[in-house]
Structure formats: structure tokens, C-alpha cells
Amino acid sequence: MKETASHSNTPVFAKNESNTKPVLYQHPTAEEMQTSRLAIIWANAKDFAIFIATALVLWFIITFVLVGLFGG
């Protein structure tokens, strides 16, 4: 019973190789840089809906403040 206890669970590898590749960064292709029309339309529609909702909420707040100050 003269076994040496190993306190490490890391495996032993034959040699230490780097995982980095020679090309670290590549510029995106033209196809990768183009945004689909549906994505652009959807983003614009969401922005417009947020704008309209904000404008309506602010209009109601201003209206109620003015009615409270000056009477209806």
C-alpha cells in the first residue's frame, strides 16, 4: 500500500499546444454586413410605436395637469 495519492484531477497531456489560430480577426464579408429589409422595417415599426405611446402618455399628463390648474 505504498501508492502515492494524486490530489489533482487534471489530465496529463503529451504536449502543450496553443489553441490560437494564425488569423485572429477577419473582416466580415459583404453578405454578413447587410441587414435584411424585414429587420429594418421591424425596428422602425417598434421605434414608431414607442414614439407614439410616449407622445400619448405625455399628452395625457400635460392635459390633466392643465385641467387641474385651470379647470375644465
Protein backbone atom coordinates (compact mmCIF):
# COMPACT_ATOMS: atom_id res chain seq x y z
CA MET A 1 0.00 0.00 0.00
CA LYS A 2 2.65 2.46 -0.98
CA GLU A 3 0.54 4.24 -3.60
CA THR A 4 1.00 7.98 -3.96
CA ALA A 5 -2.24 9.91 -3.66
CA SER A 6 -2.85 12.30 -6.52
CA HIS A 7 -4.58 15.50 -5.45
CA SER A 8 -5.13 16.79 -8.95
CA ASN A 9 -7.87 15.75 -11.36
CA THR A 10 -6.30 17.46 -14.36
CA PRO A 11 -5.22 15.07 -17.08
CA VAL A 12 -1.64 14.89 -18.25
CA PHE A 13 -1.23 15.75 -21.92
CA ALA A 14 1.59 14.67 -24.17
CA LYS A 15 2.47 18.21 -25.26
CA ASN A 16 1.17 21.71 -24.69
CA GLU A 17 -0.38 23.07 -27.87
CA SER A 18 -1.82 26.53 -28.27
CA ASN A 19 -5.45 26.86 -29.29
CA THR A 20 -4.95 30.19 -31.04
CA LYS A 21 -5.18 30.32 -34.80
CA PRO A 22 -2.85 32.30 -37.04
CA VAL A 23 -5.73 34.57 -38.14
CA LEU A 24 -7.20 36.21 -35.05
CA TYR A 25 -9.54 38.63 -36.79
CA GLN A 26 -11.18 38.57 -40.19
CA HIS A 27 -13.23 41.42 -41.57
CA PRO A 28 -16.87 40.49 -42.14
CA THR A 29 -17.92 39.70 -45.67
CA ALA A 30 -20.28 41.95 -47.59
CA GLU A 31 -23.07 39.41 -47.09
CA GLU A 32 -22.58 39.45 -43.32
CA MET A 33 -22.71 43.24 -43.19
CA GLN A 34 -26.07 43.57 -44.97
CA THR A 35 -29.18 43.89 -42.81
CA SER A 36 -32.38 42.32 -44.05
CA ARG A 37 -35.21 44.63 -45.06
CA LEU A 38 -37.59 42.86 -42.70
CA ALA A 39 -35.29 43.57 -39.75
CA ILE A 40 -35.06 47.25 -40.72
CA ILE A 41 -38.85 47.55 -41.14
CA TRP A 42 -39.48 45.77 -37.83
CA ALA A 43 -37.00 48.01 -35.97
CA ASN A 44 -38.57 51.15 -37.45
CA ALA A 45 -42.07 49.95 -36.57
CA LYS A 46 -41.06 49.30 -32.97
CA ASP A 47 -39.41 52.71 -32.69
CA PHE A 48 -42.50 54.40 -34.15
CA ALA A 49 -44.80 52.54 -31.73
CA ILE A 50 -42.63 53.60 -28.77
CA PHE A 51 -42.69 57.20 -30.02
CA ILE A 52 -46.49 57.25 -30.38
CA ALA A 53 -47.01 55.62 -26.96
CA THR A 54 -44.67 58.13 -25.30
CA ALA A 55 -46.35 61.06 -27.04
CA LEU A 56 -49.81 59.90 -25.94
CA VAL A 57 -48.75 59.38 -22.33
CA LEU A 58 -47.11 62.81 -22.19
CA TRP A 59 -50.19 64.41 -23.84
CA PHE A 60 -52.47 62.86 -21.20
CA ILE A 61 -50.20 64.00 -18.36
CA ILE A 62 -49.97 67.57 -19.68
CA THR A 63 -53.74 67.68 -20.31
CA PHE A 64 -54.58 66.52 -16.78
CA VAL A 65 -52.11 68.99 -15.24
CA LEU A 66 -53.61 71.87 -17.23
CA VAL A 67 -57.16 70.81 -16.37
CA GLY A 68 -56.16 70.59 -12.73
CA LEU A 69 -54.60 74.05 -12.80
CA PHE A 70 -57.15 75.95 -14.86
CA GLY A 71 -60.27 73.83 -14.52
CA GLY A 72 -62.15 72.10 -17.25
